[in-house]
Amino acid sequence: MTRWLVTQNNTQFAVEDLAELKRLASTGKVTAGDMVQPPGATEWLYASEVPELASILAPASGDDDFDVPKSGVPAVILGAVLVVLIVVGAAGMWTFGQQLPTGHESMMDQMSYSQMLVTDPAAQLRSGPEANAGAVQALSKDAKLELLAKRGDMYKARTEAGVEGWIAENQVIPMYQLGGAEVRADYDPLYNPDRYVRVSNASWLQLDQENEQVTVFQFMITNDSKFDMTDLMLLATIKDSKGNELETVEIPVEGILPAGKDTMVGTLDPDPDVKVKPDEEPPASRSLTHSTYEGMVEDDPDLQLRWREGVEVTMEAEDFTEANIDILEIRAIPKKS
């Protein structure tokens, strides 16, 4: 199938192919301001941004040219009238411009730019970030969802009733994509935070000679967006000398990645003075962003005694020669209006 999706105001419909889409554009049933999603794509475009539609939707080349009819009215008077029309038209355009959304207003039946609208009538909210994960709840078309996080091509979301789960990004349309270029630039990090965060200066070493499965990763996380980020999940991958993947380990990291800054990740060991009951599991070490640790140590300087740079990971595979760290999941924190 090569279906195109078209969104007009509060309605959405499918178009079988590009030829049919061009026919609708030529008859005015698809306009330049409608949102269009090409087959296999996840992002939406204005119809005027689709190259094959540009010439159809654009005004005719002669529309901008006109002849002044011959009359007995002096050219000076015609010029004065034209000036008045230009001034009135400019004032009208300015007034209209003040009524356009600024990017922080609600739209489409009181939806905000930070929400999503379900576009697939067969969509399911799933229990995990995989397309074949178990279904948590069926979703009706046009249902509203609140964005919680992103992993790969899946969004973690919450329904209006408070049910949480995962949904594929091609089954929803983020409201920010219906705004102008400025709005889309402002809100893109909320929906695609993984595009703005990267791992740099990564290294790994094995400190414990008696346990070669213990590997210490040291790296820096860079947040290039203007949103603070949190709920970071990293993926440690180890390979053999031939580049074959041997094992992967997910590493949850607590704390904040400040907007527009770099931060290291370290380990905070549990307090040895805390007594644990015989039937309780001892507390585990915590992976923290350095920026969050710095705030904690100001209140409790003794934390320095339990802090280690880097993240310690225990691998089950043996004889690995290559290891790397990647961003698996992350969430951008919306700014308070």
Protein backbone atom coordinates (compact mmCIF):
# COMPACT_ATOMS: atom_id res chain seq x y z
CA MET A 1 0.00 0.00 0.00
CA THR A 2 1.12 3.56 -0.76
CA ARG A 3 -1.53 5.39 1.25
CA TRP A 4 -1.13 9.04 2.08
CA LEU A 5 -2.82 10.48 5.16
CA VAL A 6 -4.44 13.92 5.10
CA THR A 7 -5.51 15.88 8.19
CA GLN A 8 -8.00 18.73 7.79
CA ASN A 9 -9.05 20.50 11.00
CA ASN A 10 -10.49 17.73 13.23
CA THR A 11 -10.81 15.07 10.51
CA GLN A 12 -8.37 12.73 8.83
CA PHE A 13 -8.69 10.54 5.74
CA ALA A 14 -6.51 8.26 3.65
CA VAL A 15 -5.63 8.74 -0.01
CA GLU A 16 -4.67 5.65 -2.00
CA ASP A 17 -1.76 7.10 -4.00
CA LEU A 18 -0.01 10.26 -5.15
CA ALA A 19 -2.10 10.50 -8.31
CA GLU A 20 -5.30 10.66 -6.27
CA LEU A 21 -3.73 13.21 -3.91
CA LYS A 22 -2.80 15.43 -6.87
CA ARG A 23 -6.35 15.15 -8.22
CA LEU A 24 -7.77 16.27 -4.85
CA ALA A 25 -5.32 19.19 -4.77
CA SER A 26 -6.27 20.25 -8.29
CA THR A 27 -9.98 20.29 -7.36
CA GLY A 28 -9.41 22.22 -4.14
CA LYS A 29 -10.34 19.32 -1.84
CA VAL A 30 -6.77 19.36 -0.50
CA THR A 31 -5.40 22.83 0.27
CA ALA A 32 -1.93 24.19 0.94
CA GLY A 33 -2.55 24.39 4.70
CA ASP A 34 -3.67 20.77 5.11
CA MET A 35 -1.29 18.34 6.85
CA VAL A 36 -0.04 15.39 4.77
CA GLN A 37 1.87 12.28 5.83
CA PRO A 38 3.66 10.43 2.97
CA PRO A 39 3.59 6.61 2.89
CA GLY A 40 6.02 5.07 5.38
CA ALA A 41 6.87 8.45 6.95
CA THR A 42 6.35 9.39 10.59
CA GLU A 43 6.43 13.17 10.23
CA TRP A 44 3.70 15.38 8.79
CA LEU A 45 4.14 18.10 6.18
CA TYR A 46 2.02 20.95 4.96
CA ALA A 47 0.58 20.00 1.57
CA SER A 48 2.46 22.96 0.10
CA GLU A 49 5.73 21.33 1.25
CA VAL A 50 5.16 18.22 -0.91
CA PRO A 51 7.15 18.87 -4.12
CA GLU A 52 4.63 17.07 -6.34
CA LEU A 53 1.82 19.31 -5.06
CA ALA A 54 3.63 22.65 -5.01
CA SER A 55 2.84 23.60 -8.61
CA ILE A 56 -0.78 22.49 -8.27
CA LEU A 57 -1.44 24.39 -5.05
CA ALA A 58 0.51 27.51 -6.03
CA PRO A 59 -1.42 30.37 -7.67
CA ALA A 60 -1.25 30.67 -11.44
CA SER A 61 1.75 32.56 -12.71
CA GLY A 62 -0.41 35.36 -14.12
CA ASP A 63 -2.44 35.96 -10.99
CA ASP A 64 -0.09 38.64 -9.74
CA ASP A 65 -0.30 40.67 -12.97
CA PHE A 66 -3.20 42.95 -13.78
CA ASP A 67 -3.97 45.71 -16.19
CA VAL A 68 -5.32 49.04 -15.05
CA PRO A 69 -8.49 49.66 -17.04
CA LYS A 70 -8.52 52.75 -19.20
CA SER A 71 -10.73 55.44 -17.76
CA GLY A 72 -11.00 59.14 -17.38
CA VAL A 73 -9.80 59.04 -13.74
CA PRO A 74 -6.47 60.86 -13.34
CA ALA A 75 -3.46 58.66 -12.51
CA VAL A 76 -2.81 60.71 -9.33
CA ILE A 77 -6.23 59.77 -7.92
CA LEU A 78 -5.78 56.12 -8.87
CA GLY A 79 -2.41 56.15 -7.12
CA ALA A 80 -3.90 57.67 -3.97
CA VAL A 81 -6.64 55.04 -3.90
CA LEU A 82 -4.04 52.31 -4.33
CA VAL A 83 -2.02 53.67 -1.38
CA VAL A 84 -5.14 53.66 0.83
CA LEU A 85 -5.91 50.07 -0.15
CA ILE A 86 -2.35 49.01 0.70
CA VAL A 87 -2.47 50.73 4.11
CA VAL A 88 -5.87 49.21 4.96
CA GLY A 89 -4.73 45.79 3.77
CA ALA A 90 -1.55 45.95 5.86
CA ALA A 91 -3.55 46.93 8.95
CA GLY A 92 -5.89 44.01 8.34
CA MET A 93 -3.00 41.58 7.97
CA TRP A 94 -1.41 42.88 11.19
CA THR A 95 -4.70 42.39 13.09
CA PHE A 96 -5.08 38.88 11.66
CA GLY A 97 -1.49 38.08 12.62
CA GLN A 98 -2.18 38.96 16.24
CA GLN A 99 -4.89 36.28 16.31
CA LEU A 100 -2.67 33.44 15.11
CA PRO A 101 -1.45 30.82 17.65
CA THR A 102 1.82 31.78 19.29
CA GLY A 103 2.86 28.20 20.00
CA HIS A 104 1.69 28.11 23.61
CA GLU A 105 -2.04 28.19 23.03
CA SER A 106 -4.43 25.27 22.80
CA MET A 107 -5.71 24.08 19.47
CA MET A 108 -8.04 21.49 17.95
CA ASP A 109 -10.68 21.25 20.66
CA GLN A 110 -8.45 22.53 23.47
CA MET A 111 -5.48 20.26 22.75
CA SER A 112 -2.06 21.66 23.51
CA TYR A 113 1.00 21.38 21.31
CA SER A 114 2.51 18.95 23.84
CA GLN A 115 -0.22 16.35 23.31
CA MET A 116 -0.79 13.66 20.69
CA LEU A 117 -3.85 12.57 18.72
CA VAL A 118 -4.36 8.92 17.78
CA THR A 119 -4.67 8.57 13.98
CA ASP A 120 -4.85 4.77 13.61
CA PRO A 121 -8.28 3.25 14.40
CA ALA A 122 -6.56 -0.08 15.15
CA ALA A 123 -4.05 1.42 17.61
CA GLN A 124 -3.42 -0.30 20.93
CA LEU A 125 -1.71 1.02 24.02
CA ARG A 126 0.95 -1.64 24.70
CA SER A 127 2.71 -2.88 27.82
CA GLY A 128 6.24 -2.35 26.50
CA PRO A 129 8.23 -0.40 23.90
CA GLU A 130 7.85 -3.12 21.25
CA ALA A 131 5.26 -3.24 18.48
CA ASN A 132 4.29 -6.79 19.48
CA ALA A 133 4.09 -6.17 23.24
CA GLY A 134 0.87 -7.14 24.98
CA ALA A 135 -2.10 -4.82 24.58
CA VAL A 136 -3.03 -2.73 27.62
CA GLN A 137 -5.98 -0.88 26.12
CA ALA A 138 -7.57 -0.36 22.72
CA LEU A 139 -7.52 3.26 21.57
CA SER A 140 -10.19 4.97 19.53
CA LYS A 141 -9.24 7.17 16.61
CA ASP A 142 -8.81 10.82 17.68
CA ALA A 143 -8.16 9.82 21.32
CA LYS A 144 -5.93 12.30 23.17
CA LEU A 145 -2.67 11.14 24.73
CA GLU A 146 -0.11 12.84 26.97
CA LEU A 147 3.52 12.24 26.03
CA LEU A 148 5.69 10.64 28.74
CA ALA A 149 8.89 9.41 27.04
CA LYS A 150 10.36 8.03 23.84
CA ARG A 151 12.27 4.84 23.08
CA GLY A 152 13.23 4.13 19.48
CA ASP A 153 10.10 4.57 17.37
CA MET A 154 7.71 4.11 20.30
CA TYR A 155 6.19 6.76 22.56
CA LYS A 156 5.30 6.16 26.19
CA ALA A 157 1.96 7.85 26.73
CA ARG A 158 -0.91 8.33 29.17
CA THR A 159 -4.61 8.41 28.33
CA GLU A 160 -7.03 10.96 29.77
CA ALA A 161 -8.17 8.23 32.16
CA GLY A 162 -4.62 7.79 33.47
CA VAL A 163 -3.75 4.50 31.73
CA GLU A 164 -0.09 4.34 30.69
CA GLY A 165 1.52 2.34 27.91
CA TRP A 166 3.41 2.49 24.62
CA ILE A 167 2.30 3.38 21.10
CA ALA A 168 4.14 3.51 17.76
CA GLU A 169 5.01 7.01 16.56
CA ASN A 170 3.33 6.36 13.19
CA GLN A 171 -0.03 5.81 14.95
CA VAL A 172 -0.24 9.33 16.36
CA ILE A 173 0.20 12.91 15.22
CA PRO A 174 1.91 15.25 17.70
CA MET A 175 0.00 18.51 17.85
CA TYR A 176 3.16 20.57 17.50
CA GLN A 177 3.45 19.42 13.89
CA LEU A 178 0.30 21.40 13.09
CA GLY A 179 1.99 24.64 14.12
CA GLY A 180 4.30 26.82 12.10
CA ALA A 181 8.04 26.34 11.63
CA GLU A 182 8.83 28.14 14.90
CA VAL A 183 6.40 25.99 16.87
CA ARG A 184 7.77 22.80 15.34
CA ALA A 185 11.33 23.82 16.20
CA ASP A 186 10.30 24.65 19.78
CA TYR A 187 8.45 21.41 20.47
CA ASP A 188 10.44 18.86 18.46
CA PRO A 189 12.74 18.01 21.43
CA LEU A 190 9.69 16.95 23.47
CA TYR A 191 8.77 14.31 20.90
CA ASN A 192 12.23 13.40 19.64
CA PRO A 193 14.51 13.91 22.67
CA ASP A 194 16.90 11.21 21.45
CA ARG A 195 17.85 13.46 18.52
CA TYR A 196 19.21 16.10 20.89
CA VAL A 197 21.14 13.96 23.40
CA ARG A 198 24.40 12.16 22.65
CA VAL A 199 27.10 10.16 24.37
CA SER A 200 30.66 11.43 24.03
CA ASN A 201 34.13 10.69 25.38
CA ALA A 202 33.06 7.13 26.18
CA SER A 203 35.62 4.66 27.55
CA TRP A 204 35.53 1.38 29.43
CA LEU A 205 37.91 -0.65 31.53
CA GLN A 206 37.99 -3.71 33.77
CA LEU A 207 39.32 -2.87 37.23
CA ASP A 208 38.61 -6.11 39.04
CA GLN A 209 41.16 -8.69 37.91
CA GLU A 210 39.35 -11.42 39.86
CA ASN A 211 36.04 -10.73 38.13
CA GLU A 212 36.56 -9.94 34.46
CA GLN A 213 32.82 -9.60 33.94
CA VAL A 214 32.76 -6.29 35.85
CA THR A 215 33.23 -3.38 33.46
CA VAL A 216 33.35 0.31 34.35
CA PHE A 217 32.01 2.71 31.72
CA GLN A 218 32.92 6.38 31.81
CA PHE A 219 31.26 8.86 29.46
CA MET A 220 29.70 12.27 29.07
CA ILE A 221 26.09 13.02 28.10
CA THR A 222 25.45 16.16 26.04
CA ASN A 223 21.99 17.73 25.92
CA ASP A 224 21.80 20.07 22.92
CA SER A 225 18.17 21.05 23.45
CA LYS A 226 16.63 23.89 25.47
CA PHE A 227 14.68 21.42 27.62
CA ASP A 228 15.98 19.70 30.74
CA MET A 229 15.81 15.93 30.30
CA THR A 230 15.38 12.99 32.66
CA ASP A 231 14.40 9.30 32.89
CA LEU A 232 17.54 8.36 30.97
CA MET A 233 17.98 4.69 30.04
CA LEU A 234 21.32 3.68 28.52
CA LEU A 235 22.19 0.53 26.61
CA ALA A 236 25.61 -1.08 27.15
CA THR A 237 26.59 -3.38 24.28
CA ILE A 238 29.61 -5.69 24.24
CA LYS A 239 31.07 -7.44 21.20
CA ASP A 240 33.78 -9.97 20.41
CA SER A 241 36.88 -9.34 18.31
CA LYS A 242 34.87 -9.99 15.11
CA GLY A 243 32.25 -7.37 15.97
CA ASN A 244 29.57 -9.90 16.89
CA GLU A 245 27.18 -8.69 19.59
CA LEU A 246 27.50 -10.82 22.72
CA GLU A 247 25.28 -9.08 25.25
CA THR A 248 23.34 -5.93 26.03
CA VAL A 249 22.54 -4.46 29.44
CA GLU A 250 20.09 -1.65 30.16
CA ILE A 251 21.30 0.99 32.64
CA PRO A 252 18.76 3.32 34.28
CA VAL A 253 20.24 6.71 35.19
CA GLU A 254 18.58 8.98 37.74
CA GLY A 255 18.69 12.75 37.69
CA ILE A 256 18.55 15.68 35.32
CA LEU A 257 20.45 16.39 32.12
CA PRO A 258 20.50 20.21 32.10
CA ALA A 259 19.44 21.99 28.92
CA GLY A 260 22.32 22.97 26.66
CA LYS A 261 25.00 21.42 28.89
CA ASP A 262 27.24 18.38 29.35
CA THR A 263 27.18 16.10 32.38
CA MET A 264 29.09 13.00 33.44
CA VAL A 265 27.42 9.95 34.96
CA GLY A 266 28.64 8.33 38.17
CA THR A 267 27.68 5.81 40.85
CA LEU A 268 26.42 6.49 44.36
CA ASP A 269 26.94 3.49 46.63
CA PRO A 270 24.41 2.73 49.39
CA ASP A 271 24.95 3.99 52.92
CA PRO A 272 26.83 1.23 54.80
CA ASP A 273 25.34 2.39 58.11
CA VAL A 274 21.76 1.64 57.04
CA LYS A 275 20.59 -1.56 58.72
CA VAL A 276 18.78 -4.06 56.54
CA LYS A 277 16.32 -6.62 57.90
CA PRO A 278 17.12 -10.29 57.19
CA ASP A 279 14.14 -10.64 54.82
CA GLU A 280 14.96 -7.45 52.86
CA GLU A 281 17.13 -6.96 49.83
CA PRO A 282 20.14 -4.70 50.51
CA PRO A 283 19.96 -1.33 48.74
CA ALA A 284 21.70 -1.20 45.37
CA SER A 285 24.09 1.38 44.00
CA ARG A 286 22.48 4.19 41.98
CA SER A 287 23.62 5.61 38.66
CA LEU A 288 23.27 9.40 38.76
CA THR A 289 23.99 12.34 36.49
CA HIS A 290 26.82 14.44 37.90
CA SER A 291 24.67 17.56 37.81
CA THR A 292 22.12 15.92 40.14
CA TYR A 293 24.85 14.56 42.41
CA GLU A 294 26.35 18.05 42.78
CA GLY A 295 23.02 19.32 44.11
CA MET A 296 22.76 16.41 46.55
CA VAL A 297 26.30 16.76 47.88
CA GLU A 298 25.70 20.40 48.77
CA ASP A 299 23.12 19.21 51.30
CA ASP A 300 25.10 16.16 52.42
CA PRO A 301 28.90 16.48 51.92
CA ASP A 302 29.39 12.92 53.25
CA LEU A 303 28.03 11.60 49.95
CA GLN A 304 31.49 12.22 48.50
CA LEU A 305 32.69 9.14 50.37
CA ARG A 306 30.22 6.97 48.46
CA TRP A 307 30.57 8.54 45.01
CA ARG A 308 32.47 6.93 42.13
CA GLU A 309 32.96 8.30 38.64
CA GLY A 310 31.58 6.05 35.92
CA VAL A 311 29.01 3.26 35.88
CA GLU A 312 29.85 -0.30 36.90
CA VAL A 313 28.17 -3.01 34.81
CA THR A 314 28.38 -6.76 35.33
CA MET A 315 28.35 -8.72 32.06
CA GLU A 316 27.63 -12.44 31.75
CA ALA A 317 29.50 -12.92 28.48
CA GLU A 318 33.21 -13.68 28.53
CA ASP A 319 36.11 -12.70 26.30
CA PHE A 320 34.57 -9.53 24.94
CA THR A 321 36.86 -7.00 23.32
CA GLU A 322 34.56 -4.10 22.45
CA ALA A 323 31.95 -2.18 24.44
CA ASN A 324 29.88 0.92 23.84
CA ILE A 325 27.10 3.02 25.38
CA ASP A 326 24.02 4.31 23.55
CA ILE A 327 20.88 6.29 24.43
CA LEU A 328 17.93 3.91 24.71
CA GLU A 329 15.18 6.00 26.30
CA ILE A 330 14.81 9.55 27.57
CA ARG A 331 12.19 12.17 28.38
CA ALA A 332 12.26 15.93 27.86
CA ILE A 333 10.64 17.97 30.64
CA PRO A 334 8.05 20.46 29.31
CA LYS A 335 8.55 24.01 30.47
CA LYS A 336 5.89 25.52 32.72
CA SER A 337 3.86 28.16 30.92
